[in-house]
Amino acid sequence: MKQLGLAYFTDTHLTAMGLLIFFCFFVGVLFWVYRKSSTPLYHRMEQMPLLKDGE
């Protein structure tokens, strides 16, 4: 079954390009999340459930 499905899958360069694009996106998101300038934002957001309404 798998061999039959892969017999028509001949565009391996598109697969490699898609993998590269999604890997670069994943690494970019990791850099965006763990950058130093976002630390105060995350500290403020982690305290939000503990705050009373209107604070």
C-alpha atoms as a PDB file:
ATOM      1  CA  MET A   1       0.000   0.000   0.000  1.00  0.00           C
ATOM      2  CA  LYS A   2       2.761   2.436   0.937  1.00  0.00           C
ATOM      3  CA  GLN A   3       4.786   1.548  -2.160  1.00  0.00           C
ATOM      4  CA  LEU A   4       1.780   2.167  -4.359  1.00  0.00           C
ATOM      5  CA  GLY A   5       1.249   5.603  -2.844  1.00  0.00           C
ATOM      6  CA  LEU A   6       4.910   6.542  -3.105  1.00  0.00           C
ATOM      7  CA  ALA A   7       5.105   5.416  -6.746  1.00  0.00           C
ATOM      8  CA  TYR A   8       3.294   8.601  -7.807  1.00  0.00           C
ATOM      9  CA  PHE A   9       5.273  10.827  -5.472  1.00  0.00           C
ATOM     10  CA  THR A  10       8.156  11.887  -7.684  1.00  0.00           C
ATOM     11  CA  ASP A  11       8.576  15.571  -6.756  1.00  0.00           C
ATOM     12  CA  THR A  12      11.113  15.120  -3.965  1.00  0.00           C
ATOM     13  CA  HIS A  13      12.535  18.616  -4.507  1.00  0.00           C
ATOM     14  CA  LEU A  14       9.170  20.081  -3.483  1.00  0.00           C
ATOM     15  CA  THR A  15       9.202  17.958  -0.338  1.00  0.00           C
ATOM     16  CA  ALA A  16      12.702  19.136   0.549  1.00  0.00           C
ATOM     17  CA  MET A  17      11.717  22.749  -0.086  1.00  0.00           C
ATOM     18  CA  GLY A  18       8.626  22.407   2.099  1.00  0.00           C
ATOM     19  CA  LEU A  19      10.682  20.844   4.882  1.00  0.00           C
ATOM     20  CA  LEU A  20      13.196  23.673   4.672  1.00  0.00           C
ATOM     21  CA  ILE A  21      10.486  26.341   4.746  1.00  0.00           C
ATOM     22  CA  PHE A  22       8.697  24.859   7.763  1.00  0.00           C
ATOM     23  CA  PHE A  23      11.969  24.253   9.613  1.00  0.00           C
ATOM     24  CA  CYS A  24      13.012  27.874   9.085  1.00  0.00           C
ATOM     25  CA  PHE A  25       9.589  29.023  10.267  1.00  0.00           C
ATOM     26  CA  PHE A  26       9.867  26.854  13.390  1.00  0.00           C
ATOM     27  CA  VAL A  27      13.334  28.198  14.218  1.00  0.00           C
ATOM     28  CA  GLY A  28      12.109  31.745  13.607  1.00  0.00           C
ATOM     29  CA  VAL A  29       9.218  31.256  16.031  1.00  0.00           C
ATOM     30  CA  LEU A  30      11.614  29.887  18.643  1.00  0.00           C
ATOM     31  CA  PHE A  31      13.852  32.941  18.290  1.00  0.00           C
ATOM     32  CA  TRP A  32      10.808  35.224  18.469  1.00  0.00           C
ATOM     33  CA  VAL A  33       9.485  33.603  21.647  1.00  0.00           C
ATOM     34  CA  TYR A  34      12.807  33.433  23.495  1.00  0.00           C
ATOM     35  CA  ARG A  35      14.114  36.909  22.671  1.00  0.00           C
ATOM     36  CA  LYS A  36      15.163  39.007  25.661  1.00  0.00           C
ATOM     37  CA  SER A  37      12.868  41.949  24.960  1.00  0.00           C
ATOM     38  CA  SER A  38       9.736  39.811  25.410  1.00  0.00           C
ATOM     39  CA  THR A  39      10.523  38.757  28.991  1.00  0.00           C
ATOM     40  CA  PRO A  40       8.577  41.627  30.669  1.00  0.00           C
ATOM     41  CA  LEU A  41       5.553  40.837  28.520  1.00  0.00           C
ATOM     42  CA  TYR A  42       5.587  37.184  29.583  1.00  0.00           C
ATOM     43  CA  HIS A  43       5.991  38.120  33.248  1.00  0.00           C
ATOM     44  CA  ARG A  44       2.972  40.416  32.966  1.00  0.00           C
ATOM     45  CA  MET A  45       0.939  37.744  31.162  1.00  0.00           C
ATOM     46  CA  GLU A  46       1.750  35.033  33.709  1.00  0.00           C
ATOM     47  CA  GLN A  47       0.312  37.234  36.474  1.00  0.00           C
ATOM     48  CA  MET A  48      -2.948  38.026  34.640  1.00  0.00           C
ATOM     49  CA  PRO A  49      -4.989  35.067  36.030  1.00  0.00           C
ATOM     50  CA  LEU A  50      -4.072  36.144  39.580  1.00  0.00           C
ATOM     51  CA  LEU A  51      -5.134  39.774  39.225  1.00  0.00           C
ATOM     52  CA  LYS A  52      -8.531  41.016  40.318  1.00  0.00           C
ATOM     53  CA  ASP A  53     -10.795  42.677  37.764  1.00  0.00           C
ATOM     54  CA  GLY A  54      -9.826  46.261  37.063  1.00  0.00           C
ATOM     55  CA  GLU A  55      -6.160  46.029  38.043  1.00  0.00           C
END
